[in-house]
Protein backbone atom coordinates (compact mmCIF):
# COMPACT_ATOMS: atom_id res chain seq x y z
CA MET A 1 -2.95 -25.07 4.63
CA SER A 2 -0.77 -22.03 4.18
CA GLU A 3 -0.41 -19.58 6.76
CA PRO A 4 -1.87 -16.18 6.53
CA GLY A 5 0.36 -13.82 4.50
CA ASN A 6 2.16 -16.97 2.63
CA ARG A 7 -0.18 -17.07 -0.08
CA ILE A 8 1.42 -14.67 -3.32
CA LEU A 9 -0.56 -14.44 -6.78
CA VAL A 10 1.81 -13.50 -9.77
CA VAL A 11 -0.06 -12.34 -12.83
CA ASP A 12 2.41 -12.38 -15.69
CA ASP A 13 2.06 -13.36 -19.28
CA ASP A 14 5.64 -13.98 -19.59
CA ASP A 15 6.11 -18.00 -18.91
CA GLU A 16 9.69 -17.59 -18.28
CA ILE A 17 9.44 -14.78 -15.52
CA ALA A 18 6.24 -16.30 -14.00
CA ASN A 19 7.79 -19.98 -13.42
CA LEU A 20 11.06 -18.09 -12.32
CA LEU A 21 9.38 -16.31 -9.59
CA ALA A 22 7.25 -19.38 -8.88
CA GLN A 23 10.26 -21.24 -8.27
CA VAL A 24 12.07 -18.53 -6.22
CA LEU A 25 8.81 -17.82 -3.82
CA SER A 26 8.37 -21.38 -3.28
CA ASP A 27 11.97 -21.95 -2.33
CA GLU A 28 11.18 -18.77 0.43
CA GLY A 29 8.19 -20.93 1.71
CA TYR A 30 5.26 -19.09 0.12
CA GLU A 31 2.42 -20.97 -1.56
CA VAL A 32 2.26 -19.36 -5.39
CA MET A 33 -0.69 -19.59 -7.76
CA LEU A 34 0.30 -18.28 -11.42
CA ALA A 35 -1.98 -16.10 -14.06
CA GLY A 36 -1.28 -15.14 -17.38
CA ASP A 37 -4.01 -12.52 -17.86
CA GLY A 38 -7.10 -10.65 -15.78
CA ASP A 39 -9.31 -13.33 -16.58
CA GLY A 40 -6.72 -15.99 -14.94
CA MET A 41 -6.56 -13.65 -11.99
CA ARG A 42 -10.46 -13.31 -11.57
CA LEU A 43 -10.76 -16.86 -11.54
CA ILE A 44 -7.87 -17.43 -8.91
CA LEU A 45 -9.27 -14.86 -6.60
CA ALA A 46 -12.82 -15.97 -6.76
CA GLU A 47 -11.99 -19.44 -5.80
CA ARG A 48 -8.89 -18.95 -3.45
CA PRO A 49 -7.59 -16.78 -0.76
CA VAL A 50 -4.52 -14.29 -1.79
CA ASP A 51 -2.37 -12.42 0.55
CA LEU A 52 -0.38 -10.52 -2.18
CA VAL A 53 -0.58 -9.85 -5.97
CA VAL A 54 2.29 -9.30 -8.12
CA LEU A 55 0.87 -7.74 -11.07
CA ASP A 56 2.65 -7.21 -14.22
CA LEU A 57 2.23 -3.81 -16.09
CA MET A 58 2.32 -5.11 -19.71
CA LEU A 59 -0.56 -7.89 -20.01
CA PRO A 60 -2.52 -9.00 -23.17
CA GLY A 61 -5.94 -7.61 -22.99
CA GLU A 62 -6.72 -5.66 -20.08
CA ASP A 63 -3.20 -3.95 -18.71
CA GLY A 64 -2.05 -4.04 -15.34
CA LEU A 65 -3.38 -0.59 -14.61
CA ALA A 66 -6.62 -1.47 -15.63
CA LEU A 67 -6.54 -4.74 -13.32
CA LEU A 68 -5.20 -2.76 -10.38
CA ALA A 69 -8.10 -0.48 -10.81
CA TRP A 70 -10.65 -3.33 -10.72
CA LEU A 71 -8.77 -4.76 -7.37
CA ARG A 72 -8.85 -1.39 -5.57
CA ARG A 73 -12.72 -1.20 -6.12
CA ASP A 74 -12.94 -4.15 -3.73
CA THR A 75 -10.29 -4.71 -2.06
CA ALA A 76 -7.55 -3.25 -0.03
CA LEU A 77 -5.33 -6.62 -1.20
CA PRO A 78 -1.63 -5.62 -1.36
CA VAL A 79 -0.07 -5.21 -5.05
CA ILE A 80 3.36 -5.10 -6.14
CA MET A 81 3.39 -3.70 -9.80
CA LEU A 82 6.15 -5.05 -12.04
CA THR A 83 6.83 -3.03 -15.37
CA ALA A 84 9.31 -2.99 -18.08
CA LYS A 85 9.24 0.84 -18.14
CA GLY A 86 11.22 2.22 -15.35
CA GLY A 87 10.07 5.78 -15.67
CA GLU A 88 8.74 8.24 -13.22
CA THR A 89 5.47 8.67 -14.87
CA ASP A 90 4.74 4.41 -14.93
CA ARG A 91 5.23 4.52 -11.12
CA VAL A 92 3.32 7.19 -10.51
CA ALA A 93 0.40 6.09 -12.44
CA GLY A 94 0.58 2.73 -10.49
CA LEU A 95 1.15 4.55 -7.07
CA GLU A 96 -2.07 6.59 -8.15
CA ARG A 97 -4.24 3.88 -8.96
CA GLY A 98 -3.21 2.13 -5.42
CA ALA A 99 -0.54 -0.03 -5.78
CA ASP A 100 1.92 -0.58 -2.71
CA ASP A 101 5.18 -1.13 -4.45
CA TYR A 102 6.59 -1.06 -8.13
CA LEU A 103 9.72 -2.63 -9.42
CA ALA A 104 11.26 -2.32 -12.98
CA LYS A 105 12.30 -5.23 -15.14
CA PRO A 106 15.14 -6.50 -15.06
CA PHE A 107 15.02 -7.08 -11.24
CA SER A 108 16.86 -9.02 -8.73
CA THR A 109 14.56 -11.67 -7.02
CA ARG A 110 16.43 -10.98 -4.06
CA GLU A 111 15.09 -7.18 -4.08
CA LEU A 112 11.39 -8.77 -4.94
CA LEU A 113 11.59 -10.96 -2.06
CA ALA A 114 12.72 -7.90 0.06
CA ARG A 115 9.78 -5.91 -1.12
CA ILE A 116 7.33 -8.65 -0.52
CA ARG A 117 8.15 -9.19 3.04
CA ALA A 118 7.98 -5.33 3.61
CA VAL A 119 4.56 -5.06 2.00
CA LEU A 120 3.44 -7.98 4.02
CA ARG A 121 4.63 -6.74 7.28
CA ARG A 122 3.02 -3.20 6.55
CA ALA A 123 -0.23 -5.37 5.60
CA GLY A 124 -0.04 -6.52 9.40
CA GLY A 125 1.39 -10.02 9.09
CA GLU A 126 3.84 -8.98 11.80
CA ARG A 127 2.05 -6.89 14.50
CA GLY A 128 3.00 -6.89 18.13
CA ALA A 129 0.69 -6.91 20.74
CA ASP A 130 1.15 -3.91 21.79
CA ASP A 131 0.15 -2.59 18.31
CA ARG A 132 -3.08 -4.40 18.63
CA HIS A 133 -4.49 -1.98 21.05
CA LYS A 134 -2.44 1.63 19.70
CA VAL A 135 -5.26 3.99 18.47
CA LEU A 136 -4.26 7.21 17.15
CA ALA A 137 -6.89 9.86 17.32
CA PHE A 138 -6.39 13.10 15.33
CA ALA A 139 -9.26 16.00 14.22
CA GLY A 140 -12.05 13.59 14.87
CA TRP A 141 -10.24 10.66 12.98
CA ARG A 142 -9.11 7.70 14.29
CA LEU A 143 -6.56 5.36 13.29
CA ASP A 144 -6.53 1.64 14.79
CA THR A 145 -2.81 0.60 13.76
CA GLY A 146 -3.32 -3.00 15.02
CA ARG A 147 -6.61 -3.45 12.73
CA ARG A 148 -4.93 -1.23 10.03
CA ARG A 149 -8.47 0.67 10.57
CA LEU A 150 -9.14 4.08 9.78
CA THR A 151 -12.60 5.81 10.80
CA ALA A 152 -13.96 8.99 9.90
CA PRO A 153 -15.22 11.52 12.33
CA ASP A 154 -18.88 10.04 11.23
CA GLY A 155 -17.75 6.51 12.12
CA VAL A 156 -17.15 5.45 8.31
CA LEU A 157 -14.38 3.28 7.74
CA VAL A 158 -12.10 4.34 5.19
CA GLU A 159 -9.85 1.98 3.20
CA LEU A 160 -6.20 2.42 2.94
CA THR A 161 -3.73 0.91 0.84
CA GLY A 162 -0.51 -0.29 2.72
CA GLY A 163 1.41 2.64 1.22
CA GLU A 164 -1.25 4.87 2.74
CA PHE A 165 -1.41 3.31 6.01
CA ASP A 166 2.36 3.81 6.39
CA LEU A 167 2.17 7.33 5.30
CA LEU A 168 -0.51 8.27 7.52
CA LEU A 169 1.31 6.58 10.32
CA ALA A 170 4.64 8.51 9.52
CA PHE A 171 2.61 11.64 9.89
CA LEU A 172 0.89 10.72 12.97
CA THR A 173 4.01 9.47 15.08
CA HIS A 174 5.34 13.21 14.25
CA PRO A 175 2.54 15.22 14.43
CA GLN A 176 3.14 19.34 13.52
CA GLN A 177 6.54 18.26 12.18
CA VAL A 178 7.92 19.41 8.94
CA LEU A 179 8.96 16.31 6.85
CA ASN A 180 10.42 16.15 3.70
CA ARG A 181 10.50 13.71 0.95
CA ASP A 182 13.55 11.74 2.05
CA GLN A 183 12.37 11.42 5.86
CA LEU A 184 8.81 10.71 4.93
CA LEU A 185 10.20 7.73 2.67
CA GLY A 186 12.36 6.50 5.42
CA LEU A 187 9.59 6.39 7.96
CA ALA A 188 7.06 4.89 5.67
CA ARG A 189 8.87 2.43 3.10
CA GLY A 190 12.52 2.37 4.91
CA ARG A 191 14.73 3.79 1.72
CA VAL A 192 15.59 7.05 0.52
CA SER A 193 14.21 8.90 -2.52
CA GLY A 194 16.21 10.08 -5.64
CA PRO A 195 16.14 13.68 -7.08
CA GLU A 196 13.37 12.48 -9.31
CA ASP A 197 11.36 10.48 -6.85
CA ARG A 198 7.86 11.93 -6.22
CA THR A 199 6.33 8.61 -4.74
CA ILE A 200 5.59 10.68 -1.50
CA ASP A 201 3.73 13.37 -3.71
CA VAL A 202 1.60 10.81 -5.02
CA GLN A 203 0.74 9.21 -1.77
CA VAL A 204 0.18 12.87 -0.22
CA GLY A 205 -2.27 13.34 -2.55
CA ARG A 206 -4.33 10.03 -2.22
CA LEU A 207 -4.42 10.41 1.56
CA ARG A 208 -5.56 14.30 1.12
CA ARG A 209 -8.58 13.00 -1.18
CA LYS A 210 -9.38 10.66 1.65
CA LEU A 211 -8.98 12.86 4.52
CA GLU A 212 -9.71 16.58 3.61
CA ALA A 213 -13.00 18.16 2.77
CA ASP A 214 -11.08 19.95 -0.25
CA ALA A 215 -8.25 18.09 -1.14
CA ARG A 216 -7.09 20.96 -3.64
CA ASN A 217 -6.97 23.38 -0.42
CA PRO A 218 -5.70 20.76 2.27
CA GLU A 219 -5.83 22.12 5.85
CA MET A 220 -4.61 18.71 7.65
CA ILE A 221 -1.63 17.81 5.52
CA LYS A 222 -0.07 21.07 4.42
CA THR A 223 2.59 21.62 2.09
CA VAL A 224 5.77 23.58 3.22
CA ARG A 225 7.71 25.62 0.74
CA GLY A 226 11.15 24.08 0.07
CA GLY A 227 10.63 21.88 3.13
CA GLY A 228 8.10 19.05 2.53
CA TYR A 229 4.80 18.34 4.68
CA VAL A 230 3.57 18.98 7.81
CA LEU A 231 0.05 17.18 9.76
CA THR A 232 -1.18 20.24 11.31
CA ALA A 233 -3.96 18.12 13.97
CA GLU A 234 -3.14 17.26 17.47
CA VAL A 235 -2.60 13.47 18.00
CA THR A 236 -3.84 11.68 20.87
CA ARG A 237 -4.09 8.21 21.84
CA ALA A 238 -7.60 6.59 21.77
CA THR A 239 -9.11 3.46 22.95
CA SER A 240 -9.74 0.76 20.48
CA ALA A 241 -13.54 -0.24 21.67
CA THR A 242 -15.41 2.03 19.76
CA ILE A 243 -14.02 1.13 16.35
CA ASP A 244 -15.50 -2.20 16.24
CA SER A 245 -19.31 -0.62 15.90
CA THR A 246 -18.27 1.49 12.62
CA ARG A 247 -19.65 0.85 9.35
CA ARG A 248 -17.35 0.44 5.99
CA ALA A 249 -17.45 3.48 3.44
């Protein structure tokens, strides 16, 4: 039986790419499952546990964005999008629908492996003992960093994608401090943005829709003109005991 974090589903109708990824990932110790379309993806997900999905954008029938939306309705399963289109519009579309990362074709398998490891780490595969009991409280909300659980003031659990979790954690560890896009990308993903990269803007928008009473007039995560973003709330350490009794949104 595979260890948690080792099961990867590759959804790509290009047999050459799919088989190459299967070989590369298997050589790295991952258990790999292949699907060529949405029906195949759903069949595998219904039969076996999966830790991460590598999802191609261009697929026969339902495209990758439609399948990503389907995944996000019921799960926070980590997803890395593959796309032959490297433009900002395609990256934004994937991130808006909840992708954890994206990679444009052609890509190096070394880079894909690095991104898979990073996303799996963010999904909780390599948390230490100290993190398991670290709970950050802000404006009535609670984020359990070990369990990766966000709890609203009314006690409802709110699902976060890996990217949303990383970005929120970056804000919570630097409260009331203006952070520009490069700083946020470095804190949340360990990389630096390009001049046209709006990844952070998309993720901030998603967080606002989950945290703010009115995402169009945010009070908690404010935009600083020419500077970036700032979390206005005070952040304190809390205990994790009260989180276990909450209900899911």
